[in-house]
Amino acid sequence: MSPSAAILDSQSVKTTFVGGQRGFDAAKRIKGRKRHILLDTLGLLLSVVVHRVDIDERKGAGFVLNRLCKLKKLFPGLSVIFADGGYSGEFEAFVRKTFRWMLQCA
């Protein structure tokens, strides 16, 4: 059974030099990486992307949605993605046009 709704969010995490690239998030004063995750409404992981923390929130979300799009045949019922206000604006229209999913920002 395919989920019809998903939840998108990110988290900045402190890291060390070991294990790859990292960046600096001036707003949160964190050196490290950011993980973008997409969960279904039961909390099951649909997609995840980890990248440098200094990459813009919307760009990172684009990475995770692009990865999910490649798996679209696994989730044919997905139609709406819930996210916080950091993803609102032009990004909502981009998601609708590019991936054909409705992004609802609170």
C-alpha atoms as a PDB file:
ATOM      1  CA  MET A   1       0.000   0.000   0.000  1.00  0.00           C
ATOM      2  CA  SER A   2       1.342   3.412  -0.971  1.00  0.00           C
ATOM      3  CA  PRO A   3       1.230   6.433   1.356  1.00  0.00           C
ATOM      4  CA  SER A   4      -0.891   9.366   0.206  1.00  0.00           C
ATOM      5  CA  ALA A   5       0.858  11.983   2.366  1.00  0.00           C
ATOM      6  CA  ALA A   6       4.406  12.633   3.566  1.00  0.00           C
ATOM      7  CA  ILE A   7       6.255  15.022   5.870  1.00  0.00           C
ATOM      8  CA  LEU A   8       9.443  16.874   4.876  1.00  0.00           C
ATOM      9  CA  ASP A   9      11.942  18.328   7.335  1.00  0.00           C
ATOM     10  CA  SER A  10      15.643  18.883   7.911  1.00  0.00           C
ATOM     11  CA  GLN A  11      18.051  18.907  10.824  1.00  0.00           C
ATOM     12  CA  SER A  12      21.514  20.445  11.140  1.00  0.00           C
ATOM     13  CA  VAL A  13      23.997  18.223  12.957  1.00  0.00           C
ATOM     14  CA  LYS A  14      27.486  18.945  14.315  1.00  0.00           C
ATOM     15  CA  THR A  15      30.180  16.706  12.840  1.00  0.00           C
ATOM     16  CA  THR A  16      33.937  16.244  12.760  1.00  0.00           C
ATOM     17  CA  PHE A  17      36.236  16.273   9.732  1.00  0.00           C
ATOM     18  CA  VAL A  18      36.010  12.500   9.496  1.00  0.00           C
ATOM     19  CA  GLY A  19      33.550  11.133   6.963  1.00  0.00           C
ATOM     20  CA  GLY A  20      33.277  13.787   4.277  1.00  0.00           C
ATOM     21  CA  GLN A  21      32.336  17.358   3.568  1.00  0.00           C
ATOM     22  CA  ARG A  22      30.812  19.724   6.063  1.00  0.00           C
ATOM     23  CA  GLY A  23      29.797  23.369   6.087  1.00  0.00           C
ATOM     24  CA  PHE A  24      28.892  26.168   8.480  1.00  0.00           C
ATOM     25  CA  ASP A  25      25.316  27.231   9.269  1.00  0.00           C
ATOM     26  CA  ALA A  26      25.652  30.836  10.452  1.00  0.00           C
ATOM     27  CA  ALA A  27      22.052  31.007  11.709  1.00  0.00           C
ATOM     28  CA  LYS A  28      22.467  28.020  14.021  1.00  0.00           C
ATOM     29  CA  ARG A  29      26.235  28.404  14.539  1.00  0.00           C
ATOM     30  CA  ILE A  30      26.827  24.781  13.598  1.00  0.00           C
ATOM     31  CA  LYS A  31      29.692  23.253  11.602  1.00  0.00           C
ATOM     32  CA  GLY A  32      28.558  20.007  10.103  1.00  0.00           C
ATOM     33  CA  ARG A  33      25.982  18.401   7.869  1.00  0.00           C
ATOM     34  CA  LYS A  34      22.263  18.655   7.299  1.00  0.00           C
ATOM     35  CA  ARG A  35      19.914  15.760   6.746  1.00  0.00           C
ATOM     36  CA  HIS A  36      16.686  16.154   4.836  1.00  0.00           C
ATOM     37  CA  ILE A  37      14.154  13.420   5.456  1.00  0.00           C
ATOM     38  CA  LEU A  38      10.788  12.539   4.016  1.00  0.00           C
ATOM     39  CA  LEU A  39       8.536  10.359   6.171  1.00  0.00           C
ATOM     40  CA  ASP A  40       5.086   8.962   5.629  1.00  0.00           C
ATOM     41  CA  THR A  41       2.383   9.811   8.160  1.00  0.00           C
ATOM     42  CA  LEU A  42       3.239   6.677  10.165  1.00  0.00           C
ATOM     43  CA  GLY A  43       6.832   7.894  10.565  1.00  0.00           C
ATOM     44  CA  LEU A  44       8.339   5.413   8.115  1.00  0.00           C
ATOM     45  CA  LEU A  45      11.292   6.708   6.105  1.00  0.00           C
ATOM     46  CA  LEU A  46      10.626   7.291   2.400  1.00  0.00           C
ATOM     47  CA  SER A  47      13.773   9.194   1.426  1.00  0.00           C
ATOM     48  CA  VAL A  48      16.827  10.816   3.028  1.00  0.00           C
ATOM     49  CA  VAL A  49      19.694  12.986   1.779  1.00  0.00           C
ATOM     50  CA  VAL A  50      22.692  14.165   3.826  1.00  0.00           C
ATOM     51  CA  HIS A  51      24.703  17.178   2.636  1.00  0.00           C
ATOM     52  CA  ARG A  52      26.818  20.098   3.848  1.00  0.00           C
ATOM     53  CA  VAL A  53      24.952  22.278   6.326  1.00  0.00           C
ATOM     54  CA  ASP A  54      25.545  25.464   4.298  1.00  0.00           C
ATOM     55  CA  ILE A  55      23.353  24.310   1.386  1.00  0.00           C
ATOM     56  CA  ASP A  56      20.043  26.200   1.248  1.00  0.00           C
ATOM     57  CA  GLU A  57      17.003  24.519   2.810  1.00  0.00           C
ATOM     58  CA  ARG A  58      15.001  24.524  -0.437  1.00  0.00           C
ATOM     59  CA  LYS A  59      17.895  23.179  -2.489  1.00  0.00           C
ATOM     60  CA  GLY A  60      18.396  20.338  -0.001  1.00  0.00           C
ATOM     61  CA  ALA A  61      14.681  19.583  -0.131  1.00  0.00           C
ATOM     62  CA  GLY A  62      14.965  19.460  -3.915  1.00  0.00           C
ATOM     63  CA  PHE A  63      17.645  16.766  -3.546  1.00  0.00           C
ATOM     64  CA  VAL A  64      15.406  14.573  -1.380  1.00  0.00           C
ATOM     65  CA  LEU A  65      12.349  15.086  -3.623  1.00  0.00           C
ATOM     66  CA  ASN A  66      14.408  14.314  -6.727  1.00  0.00           C
ATOM     67  CA  ARG A  67      15.577  11.072  -5.119  1.00  0.00           C
ATOM     68  CA  LEU A  68      11.972  10.197  -4.219  1.00  0.00           C
ATOM     69  CA  CYS A  69      10.862  10.968  -7.771  1.00  0.00           C
ATOM     70  CA  LYS A  70      13.209   8.235  -9.017  1.00  0.00           C
ATOM     71  CA  LEU A  71      11.303   5.869  -6.708  1.00  0.00           C
ATOM     72  CA  LYS A  72       7.887   7.231  -7.716  1.00  0.00           C
ATOM     73  CA  LYS A  73       6.636   3.853  -8.921  1.00  0.00           C
ATOM     74  CA  LEU A  74       7.038   2.590  -5.336  1.00  0.00           C
ATOM     75  CA  PHE A  75       4.758   5.378  -4.053  1.00  0.00           C
ATOM     76  CA  PRO A  76       2.083   5.952  -6.724  1.00  0.00           C
ATOM     77  CA  GLY A  77      -0.496   7.185  -4.201  1.00  0.00           C
ATOM     78  CA  LEU A  78       1.649  10.036  -2.836  1.00  0.00           C
ATOM     79  CA  SER A  79      -0.053  13.360  -3.540  1.00  0.00           C
ATOM     80  CA  VAL A  80       0.636  15.786  -0.680  1.00  0.00           C
ATOM     81  CA  ILE A  81       3.772  16.684   1.278  1.00  0.00           C
ATOM     82  CA  PHE A  82       3.576  18.666   4.518  1.00  0.00           C
ATOM     83  CA  ALA A  83       6.454  20.968   5.475  1.00  0.00           C
ATOM     84  CA  ASP A  84       7.213  23.945   7.703  1.00  0.00           C
ATOM     85  CA  GLY A  85       7.167  27.577   6.558  1.00  0.00           C
ATOM     86  CA  GLY A  86      10.828  27.476   5.506  1.00  0.00           C
ATOM     87  CA  TYR A  87       9.767  25.760   2.299  1.00  0.00           C
ATOM     88  CA  SER A  88       6.933  28.146   1.362  1.00  0.00           C
ATOM     89  CA  GLY A  89       6.802  30.542  -1.562  1.00  0.00           C
ATOM     90  CA  GLU A  90       8.211  29.763  -4.992  1.00  0.00           C
ATOM     91  CA  PHE A  91       9.343  26.334  -3.835  1.00  0.00           C
ATOM     92  CA  GLU A  92       5.710  25.230  -3.451  1.00  0.00           C
ATOM     93  CA  ALA A  93       5.047  26.061  -7.118  1.00  0.00           C
ATOM     94  CA  PHE A  94       8.303  24.361  -8.137  1.00  0.00           C
ATOM     95  CA  VAL A  95       7.290  21.121  -6.399  1.00  0.00           C
ATOM     96  CA  ARG A  96       3.808  21.203  -7.946  1.00  0.00           C
ATOM     97  CA  LYS A  97       5.153  21.838 -11.469  1.00  0.00           C
ATOM     98  CA  THR A  98       8.203  19.552 -11.359  1.00  0.00           C
ATOM     99  CA  PHE A  99       7.050  16.583  -9.303  1.00  0.00           C
ATOM    100  CA  ARG A 100       3.242  16.970  -9.454  1.00  0.00           C
ATOM    101  CA  TRP A 101       2.926  16.794  -5.667  1.00  0.00           C
ATOM    102  CA  MET A 102       1.139  19.409  -3.553  1.00  0.00           C
ATOM    103  CA  LEU A 103       3.435  20.961  -0.943  1.00  0.00           C
ATOM    104  CA  GLN A 104       1.507  22.363   2.046  1.00  0.00           C
ATOM    105  CA  CYS A 105       3.547  24.649   4.273  1.00  0.00           C
ATOM    106  CA  ALA A 106       2.477  25.608   7.783  1.00  0.00           C
END
